[in-house]
Amino acid sequence: MGNGNRAAQKRERNAAKAKGSEPKSQLKSNAAALTIKCKTCFQSFQSTTSRKMLTEHASNKHTKNFEDCFNADDGIVK
């Protein structure tokens, strides 16, 4: 068995190992996490967005209160 055959076998083994370790994309899970939506401008926010950030959006973008732009249970308490 020559070195060329060994190299070919090693390439085949490495290719078989590499199939399961493909890079994973988080784009789909990030898009699914956009569950909070502003009632005024329909901008989406992730479900982990704090209530403070949503209040700042409502006051800075629309000069409105939190309740005017979002549901009462939106935003996690921080």
PDB file of N, CA and C in Angstrom:
ATOM      1  N   MET A   1       0.846  -1.160   0.000  1.00  0.00           N
ATOM      2  CA  MET A   1       0.000   0.000   0.000  1.00  0.00           C
ATOM      3  C   MET A   1       0.900   1.235   0.000  1.00  0.00           C
ATOM      4  N   GLY A   2       0.698   2.113  -0.960  1.00  0.00           N
ATOM      5  CA  GLY A   2       1.539   3.301  -1.081  1.00  0.00           C
ATOM      6  C   GLY A   2       0.951   4.484  -0.328  1.00  0.00           C
ATOM      7  N   ASN A   3       1.698   5.561  -0.317  1.00  0.00           N
ATOM      8  CA  ASN A   3       1.262   6.769   0.378  1.00  0.00           C
ATOM      9  C   ASN A   3       0.038   7.395  -0.278  1.00  0.00           C
ATOM     10  N   GLY A   4      -0.105   7.260  -1.568  1.00  0.00           N
ATOM     11  CA  GLY A   4      -1.265   7.813  -2.271  1.00  0.00           C
ATOM     12  C   GLY A   4      -2.557   7.167  -1.807  1.00  0.00           C
ATOM     13  N   ASN A   5      -2.532   5.864  -1.583  1.00  0.00           N
ATOM     14  CA  ASN A   5      -3.718   5.156  -1.115  1.00  0.00           C
ATOM     15  C   ASN A   5      -4.062   5.557   0.325  1.00  0.00           C
ATOM     16  N   ARG A   6      -3.040   5.723   1.154  1.00  0.00           N
ATOM     17  CA  ARG A   6      -3.279   6.139   2.538  1.00  0.00           C
ATOM     18  C   ARG A   6      -3.891   7.538   2.584  1.00  0.00           C
ATOM     19  N   ALA A   7      -3.396   8.407   1.752  1.00  0.00           N
ATOM     20  CA  ALA A   7      -3.917   9.772   1.719  1.00  0.00           C
ATOM     21  C   ALA A   7      -5.375   9.781   1.267  1.00  0.00           C
ATOM     22  N   ALA A   8      -5.697   8.952   0.292  1.00  0.00           N
ATOM     23  CA  ALA A   8      -7.078   8.873  -0.185  1.00  0.00           C
ATOM     24  C   ALA A   8      -7.999   8.345   0.910  1.00  0.00           C
ATOM     25  N   GLN A   9      -7.547   7.329   1.643  1.00  0.00           N
ATOM     26  CA  GLN A   9      -8.348   6.783   2.737  1.00  0.00           C
ATOM     27  C   GLN A   9      -8.549   7.820   3.841  1.00  0.00           C
ATOM     28  N   LYS A  10      -7.523   8.582   4.140  1.00  0.00           N
ATOM     29  CA  LYS A  10      -7.626   9.607   5.174  1.00  0.00           C
ATOM     30  C   LYS A  10      -8.602  10.712   4.750  1.00  0.00           C
ATOM     31  N   ARG A  11      -8.568  11.093   3.478  1.00  0.00           N
ATOM     32  CA  ARG A  11      -9.516  12.088   2.974  1.00  0.00           C
ATOM     33  C   ARG A  11     -10.946  11.588   3.092  1.00  0.00           C
ATOM     34  N   GLU A  12     -11.178  10.312   2.794  1.00  0.00           N
ATOM     35  CA  GLU A  12     -12.520   9.739   2.908  1.00  0.00           C
ATOM     36  C   GLU A  12     -12.993   9.730   4.359  1.00  0.00           C
ATOM     37  N   ARG A  13     -12.107   9.345   5.283  1.00  0.00           N
ATOM     38  CA  ARG A  13     -12.479   9.331   6.700  1.00  0.00           C
ATOM     39  C   ARG A  13     -12.792  10.742   7.197  1.00  0.00           C
ATOM     40  N   ASN A  14     -11.969  11.696   6.834  1.00  0.00           N
ATOM     41  CA  ASN A  14     -12.197  13.078   7.259  1.00  0.00           C
ATOM     42  C   ASN A  14     -13.479  13.648   6.667  1.00  0.00           C
ATOM     43  N   ALA A  15     -13.795  13.284   5.440  1.00  0.00           N
ATOM     44  CA  ALA A  15     -15.033  13.754   4.815  1.00  0.00           C
ATOM     45  C   ALA A  15     -16.242  13.175   5.539  1.00  0.00           C
ATOM     46  N   ALA A  16     -16.159  11.915   5.967  1.00  0.00           N
ATOM     47  CA  ALA A  16     -17.267  11.288   6.696  1.00  0.00           C
ATOM     48  C   ALA A  16     -17.451  11.949   8.064  1.00  0.00           C
ATOM     49  N   LYS A  17     -16.359  12.313   8.719  1.00  0.00           N
ATOM     50  CA  LYS A  17     -16.446  12.978  10.024  1.00  0.00           C
ATOM     51  C   LYS A  17     -17.017  14.385   9.885  1.00  0.00           C
ATOM     52  N   ALA A  18     -16.675  15.059   8.816  1.00  0.00           N
ATOM     53  CA  ALA A  18     -17.061  16.460   8.641  1.00  0.00           C
ATOM     54  C   ALA A  18     -18.530  16.628   8.285  1.00  0.00           C
ATOM     55  N   LYS A  19     -19.206  15.581   7.838  1.00  0.00           N
ATOM     56  CA  LYS A  19     -20.612  15.714   7.446  1.00  0.00           C
ATOM     57  C   LYS A  19     -21.493  16.160   8.600  1.00  0.00           C
ATOM     58  N   GLY A  20     -21.281  15.643   9.782  1.00  0.00           N
ATOM     59  CA  GLY A  20     -22.113  15.974  10.927  1.00  0.00           C
ATOM     60  C   GLY A  20     -21.785  17.307  11.557  1.00  0.00           C
ATOM     61  N   SER A  21     -20.674  17.895  11.226  1.00  0.00           N
ATOM     62  CA  SER A  21     -20.266  19.141  11.876  1.00  0.00           C
ATOM     63  C   SER A  21     -20.426  20.356  10.961  1.00  0.00           C
ATOM     64  N   GLU A  22     -21.519  20.407  10.232  1.00  0.00           N
ATOM     65  CA  GLU A  22     -21.772  21.568   9.381  1.00  0.00           C
ATOM     66  C   GLU A  22     -22.153  22.752  10.262  1.00  0.00           C
ATOM     67  N   PRO A  23     -21.818  23.964   9.863  1.00  0.00           N
ATOM     68  CA  PRO A  23     -22.174  25.124  10.685  1.00  0.00           C
ATOM     69  C   PRO A  23     -23.693  25.320  10.726  1.00  0.00           C
ATOM     70  N   LYS A  24     -24.173  25.693  11.894  1.00  0.00           N
ATOM     71  CA  LYS A  24     -25.604  25.901  12.089  1.00  0.00           C
ATOM     72  C   LYS A  24     -25.898  27.391  12.024  1.00  0.00           C
ATOM     73  N   SER A  25     -26.992  27.736  11.396  1.00  0.00           N
ATOM     74  CA  SER A  25     -27.396  29.128  11.290  1.00  0.00           C
ATOM     75  C   SER A  25     -28.481  29.420  12.323  1.00  0.00           C
ATOM     76  N   GLN A  26     -28.432  30.598  12.929  1.00  0.00           N
ATOM     77  CA  GLN A  26     -29.406  30.986  13.923  1.00  0.00           C
ATOM     78  C   GLN A  26     -30.453  31.932  13.356  1.00  0.00           C
ATOM     79  N   LEU A  27     -30.450  32.155  12.072  1.00  0.00           N
ATOM     80  CA  LEU A  27     -31.362  33.123  11.476  1.00  0.00           C
ATOM     81  C   LEU A  27     -32.823  32.737  11.665  1.00  0.00           C
ATOM     82  N   LYS A  28     -33.135  31.456  11.498  1.00  0.00           N
ATOM     83  CA  LYS A  28     -34.523  31.018  11.643  1.00  0.00           C
ATOM     84  C   LYS A  28     -35.008  31.157  13.079  1.00  0.00           C
ATOM     85  N   SER A  29     -34.176  30.797  14.028  1.00  0.00           N
ATOM     86  CA  SER A  29     -34.595  30.901  15.429  1.00  0.00           C
ATOM     87  C   SER A  29     -34.709  32.365  15.856  1.00  0.00           C
ATOM     88  N   ASN A  30     -33.848  33.230  15.336  1.00  0.00           N
ATOM     89  CA  ASN A  30     -33.953  34.653  15.644  1.00  0.00           C
ATOM     90  C   ASN A  30     -35.233  35.244  15.068  1.00  0.00           C
ATOM     91  N   ALA A  31     -35.591  34.845  13.866  1.00  0.00           N
ATOM     92  CA  ALA A  31     -36.821  35.344  13.251  1.00  0.00           C
ATOM     93  C   ALA A  31     -38.044  34.859  14.016  1.00  0.00           C
ATOM     94  N   ALA A  32     -37.992  33.642  14.533  1.00  0.00           N
ATOM     95  CA  ALA A  32     -39.112  33.108  15.292  1.00  0.00           C
ATOM     96  C   ALA A  32     -39.255  33.798  16.641  1.00  0.00           C
ATOM     97  N   ALA A  33     -38.173  34.356  17.162  1.00  0.00           N
ATOM     98  CA  ALA A  33     -38.204  35.016  18.469  1.00  0.00           C
ATOM     99  C   ALA A  33     -38.781  36.429  18.403  1.00  0.00           C
ATOM    100  N   LEU A  34     -39.014  36.954  17.220  1.00  0.00           N
ATOM    101  CA  LEU A  34     -39.566  38.306  17.076  1.00  0.00           C
ATOM    102  C   LEU A  34     -41.076  38.250  17.328  1.00  0.00           C
ATOM    103  N   THR A  35     -41.452  38.260  18.594  1.00  0.00           N
ATOM    104  CA  THR A  35     -42.861  38.064  18.940  1.00  0.00           C
ATOM    105  C   THR A  35     -43.556  39.337  19.407  1.00  0.00           C
ATOM    106  N   ILE A  36     -42.806  40.367  19.739  1.00  0.00           N
ATOM    107  CA  ILE A  36     -43.406  41.622  20.202  1.00  0.00           C
ATOM    108  C   ILE A  36     -43.437  42.597  19.033  1.00  0.00           C
ATOM    109  N   LYS A  37     -44.593  43.212  18.808  1.00  0.00           N
ATOM    110  CA  LYS A  37     -44.727  44.125  17.684  1.00  0.00           C
ATOM    111  C   LYS A  37     -45.341  45.436  18.154  1.00  0.00           C
ATOM    112  N   CYS A  38     -44.759  46.537  17.719  1.00  0.00           N
ATOM    113  CA  CYS A  38     -45.278  47.865  18.037  1.00  0.00           C
ATOM    114  C   CYS A  38     -46.588  48.072  17.267  1.00  0.00           C
ATOM    115  N   LYS A  39     -47.606  48.564  17.961  1.00  0.00           N
ATOM    116  CA  LYS A  39     -48.908  48.769  17.328  1.00  0.00           C
ATOM    117  C   LYS A  39     -48.894  49.951  16.366  1.00  0.00           C
ATOM    118  N   THR A  40     -47.965  50.880  16.563  1.00  0.00           N
ATOM    119  CA  THR A  40     -47.926  52.089  15.749  1.00  0.00           C
ATOM    120  C   THR A  40     -47.134  51.893  14.459  1.00  0.00           C
ATOM    121  N   CYS A  41     -45.888  51.417  14.579  1.00  0.00           N
ATOM    122  CA  CYS A  41     -45.025  51.309  13.399  1.00  0.00           C
ATOM    123  C   CYS A  41     -44.790  49.863  12.960  1.00  0.00           C
ATOM    124  N   PHE A  42     -45.333  48.907  13.707  1.00  0.00           N
ATOM    125  CA  PHE A  42     -45.234  47.475  13.397  1.00  0.00           C
ATOM    126  C   PHE A  42     -43.800  46.958  13.377  1.00  0.00           C
ATOM    127  N   GLN A  43     -42.902  47.628  14.086  1.00  0.00           N
ATOM    128  CA  GLN A  43     -41.537  47.127  14.233  1.00  0.00           C
ATOM    129  C   GLN A  43     -41.562  45.942  15.180  1.00  0.00           C
ATOM    130  N   SER A  44     -40.817  44.894  14.835  1.00  0.00           N
ATOM    131  CA  SER A  44     -40.780  43.687  15.650  1.00  0.00           C
ATOM    132  C   SER A  44     -39.607  43.728  16.617  1.00  0.00           C
ATOM    133  N   PHE A  45     -39.828  43.135  17.789  1.00  0.00           N
ATOM    134  CA  PHE A  45     -38.806  43.031  18.818  1.00  0.00           C
ATOM    135  C   PHE A  45     -38.746  41.592  19.291  1.00  0.00           C
ATOM    136  N   GLN A  46     -37.563  41.164  19.755  1.00  0.00           N
ATOM    137  CA  GLN A  46     -37.431  39.818  20.285  1.00  0.00           C
ATOM    138  C   GLN A  46     -38.164  39.701  21.611  1.00  0.00           C
ATOM    139  N   SER A  47     -38.572  38.488  21.930  1.00  0.00           N
ATOM    140  CA  SER A  47     -39.339  38.263  23.149  1.00  0.00           C
ATOM    141  C   SER A  47     -38.519  38.531  24.403  1.00  0.00           C
ATOM    142  N   THR A  48     -37.213  38.614  24.286  1.00  0.00           N
ATOM    143  CA  THR A  48     -36.352  38.873  25.441  1.00  0.00           C
ATOM    144  C   THR A  48     -36.099  40.363  25.663  1.00  0.00           C
ATOM    145  N   THR A  49     -36.745  41.217  24.902  1.00  0.00           N
ATOM    146  CA  THR A  49     -36.560  42.660  25.035  1.00  0.00           C
ATOM    147  C   THR A  49     -37.168  43.136  26.348  1.00  0.00           C
ATOM    148  N   SER A  50     -36.445  43.983  27.057  1.00  0.00           N
ATOM    149  CA  SER A  50     -36.929  44.463  28.353  1.00  0.00           C
ATOM    150  C   SER A  50     -38.025  45.505  28.162  1.00  0.00           C
ATOM    151  N   ARG A  51     -38.829  45.623  29.193  1.00  0.00           N
ATOM    152  CA  ARG A  51     -39.923  46.598  29.173  1.00  0.00           C
ATOM    153  C   ARG A  51     -39.369  48.020  29.067  1.00  0.00           C
ATOM    154  N   LYS A  52     -38.201  48.256  29.670  1.00  0.00           N
ATOM    155  CA  LYS A  52     -37.572  49.582  29.614  1.00  0.00           C
ATOM    156  C   LYS A  52     -37.246  49.963  28.174  1.00  0.00           C
ATOM    157  N   MET A  53     -36.705  49.019  27.413  1.00  0.00           N
ATOM    158  CA  MET A  53     -36.364  49.297  26.009  1.00  0.00           C
ATOM    159  C   MET A  53     -37.626  49.584  25.191  1.00  0.00           C
ATOM    160  N   LEU A  54     -38.691  48.842  25.463  1.00  0.00           N
ATOM    161  CA  LEU A  54     -39.941  49.071  24.735  1.00  0.00           C
ATOM    162  C   LEU A  54     -40.538  50.422  25.098  1.00  0.00           C
ATOM    163  N   THR A  55     -40.424  50.806  26.357  1.00  0.00           N
ATOM    164  CA  THR A  55     -40.912  52.117  26.787  1.00  0.00           C
ATOM    165  C   THR A  55     -40.115  53.226  26.112  1.00  0.00           C
ATOM    166  N   GLU A  56     -38.802  53.039  26.020  1.00  0.00           N
ATOM    167  CA  GLU A  56     -37.966  54.031  25.333  1.00  0.00           C
ATOM    168  C   GLU A  56     -38.345  54.138  23.865  1.00  0.00           C
ATOM    169  N   HIS A  57     -38.644  53.021  23.216  1.00  0.00           N
ATOM    170  CA  HIS A  57     -39.067  53.050  21.814  1.00  0.00           C
ATOM    171  C   HIS A  57     -40.347  53.857  21.676  1.00  0.00           C
ATOM    172  N   ALA A  58     -41.315  53.591  22.538  1.00  0.00           N
ATOM    173  CA  ALA A  58     -42.602  54.283  22.453  1.00  0.00           C
ATOM    174  C   ALA A  58     -42.446  55.781  22.677  1.00  0.00           C
ATOM    175  N   SER A  59     -41.636  56.167  23.647  1.00  0.00           N
ATOM    176  CA  SER A  59     -41.508  57.592  23.944  1.00  0.00           C
ATOM    177  C   SER A  59     -40.615  58.321  22.940  1.00  0.00           C
ATOM    178  N   ASN A  60     -39.533  57.687  22.484  1.00  0.00           N
ATOM    179  CA  ASN A  60     -38.616  58.360  21.567  1.00  0.00           C
ATOM    180  C   ASN A  60     -39.115  58.384  20.132  1.00  0.00           C
ATOM    181  N   LYS A  61     -39.662  57.289  19.661  1.00  0.00           N
ATOM    182  CA  LYS A  61     -40.095  57.219  18.269  1.00  0.00           C
ATOM    183  C   LYS A  61     -41.464  57.852  18.047  1.00  0.00           C
ATOM    184  N   HIS A  62     -42.383  57.642  19.011  1.00  0.00           N
ATOM    185  CA  HIS A  62     -43.772  58.033  18.772  1.00  0.00           C
ATOM    186  C   HIS A  62     -44.299  59.057  19.766  1.00  0.00           C
ATOM    187  N   THR A  63     -43.512  59.444  20.753  1.00  0.00           N
ATOM    188  CA  THR A  63     -43.944  60.317  21.846  1.00  0.00           C
ATOM    189  C   THR A  63     -45.274  59.847  22.432  1.00  0.00           C
ATOM    190  N   LYS A  64     -45.340  58.548  22.702  1.00  0.00           N
ATOM    191  CA  LYS A  64     -46.527  57.931  23.284  1.00  0.00           C
ATOM    192  C   LYS A  64     -46.119  57.144  24.519  1.00  0.00           C
ATOM    193  N   ASN A  65     -47.106  56.662  25.243  1.00  0.00           N
ATOM    194  CA  ASN A  65     -46.864  55.813  26.404  1.00  0.00           C
ATOM    195  C   ASN A  65     -46.673  54.378  25.954  1.00  0.00           C
ATOM    196  N   PHE A  66     -46.165  53.554  26.880  1.00  0.00           N
ATOM    197  CA  PHE A  66     -45.949  52.131  26.604  1.00  0.00           C
ATOM    198  C   PHE A  66     -47.258  51.452  26.197  1.00  0.00           C
ATOM    199  N   GLU A  67     -48.339  51.753  26.918  1.00  0.00           N
ATOM    200  CA  GLU A  67     -49.621  51.101  26.684  1.00  0.00           C
ATOM    201  C   GLU A  67     -50.205  51.436  25.309  1.00  0.00           C
ATOM    202  N   ASP A  68     -49.837  52.595  24.752  1.00  0.00           N
ATOM    203  CA  ASP A  68     -50.342  52.987  23.435  1.00  0.00           C
ATOM    204  C   ASP A  68     -49.694  52.177  22.317  1.00  0.00           C
ATOM    205  N   CYS A  69     -48.480  51.681  22.540  1.00  0.00           N
ATOM    206  CA  CYS A  69     -47.741  50.992  21.490  1.00  0.00           C
ATOM    207  C   CYS A  69     -47.652  49.474  21.676  1.00  0.00           C
ATOM    208  N   PHE A  70     -47.768  48.988  22.913  1.00  0.00           N
ATOM    209  CA  PHE A  70     -47.562  47.568  23.176  1.00  0.00           C
ATOM    210  C   PHE A  70     -48.667  47.033  24.081  1.00  0.00           C
ATOM    211  N   ASN A  71     -48.803  45.710  24.108  1.00  0.00           N
ATOM    212  CA  ASN A  71     -49.727  45.071  25.031  1.00  0.00           C
ATOM    213  C   ASN A  71     -49.157  45.167  26.444  1.00  0.00           C
ATOM    214  N   ALA A  72     -50.018  45.049  27.424  1.00  0.00           N
ATOM    215  CA  ALA A  72     -49.600  45.217  28.820  1.00  0.00           C
ATOM    216  C   ALA A  72     -48.614  44.135  29.260  1.00  0.00           C
ATOM    217  N   ASP A  73     -48.694  42.938  28.693  1.00  0.00           N
ATOM    218  CA  ASP A  73     -47.822  41.861  29.132  1.00  0.00           C
ATOM    219  C   ASP A  73     -46.558  41.720  28.280  1.00  0.00           C
ATOM    220  N   ASP A  74     -46.315  42.647  27.370  1.00  0.00           N
ATOM    221  CA  ASP A  74     -45.110  42.591  26.528  1.00  0.00           C
ATOM    222  C   ASP A  74     -43.899  43.077  27.315  1.00  0.00           C
ATOM    223  N   GLY A  75     -42.750  42.498  27.006  1.00  0.00           N
ATOM    224  CA  GLY A  75     -41.494  42.902  27.631  1.00  0.00           C
ATOM    225  C   GLY A  75     -41.263  42.171  28.927  1.00  0.00           C
ATOM    226  N   ILE A  76     -40.040  41.706  29.100  1.00  0.00           N
ATOM    227  CA  ILE A  76     -39.708  41.019  30.342  1.00  0.00           C
ATOM    228  C   ILE A  76     -39.298  42.049  31.383  1.00  0.00           C
ATOM    229  N   VAL A  77     -39.589  41.793  32.606  1.00  0.00           N
ATOM    230  CA  VAL A  77     -39.298  42.748  33.671  1.00  0.00           C
ATOM    231  C   VAL A  77     -37.834  42.650  34.037  1.00  0.00           C
ATOM    232  N   LYS A  78     -37.127  43.774  33.988  1.00  0.00           N
ATOM    233  CA  LYS A  78     -35.704  43.824  34.360  1.00  0.00           C
ATOM    234  C   LYS A  78     -35.473  45.032  35.237  1.00  0.00           C
TER     235      LYS A  78
END
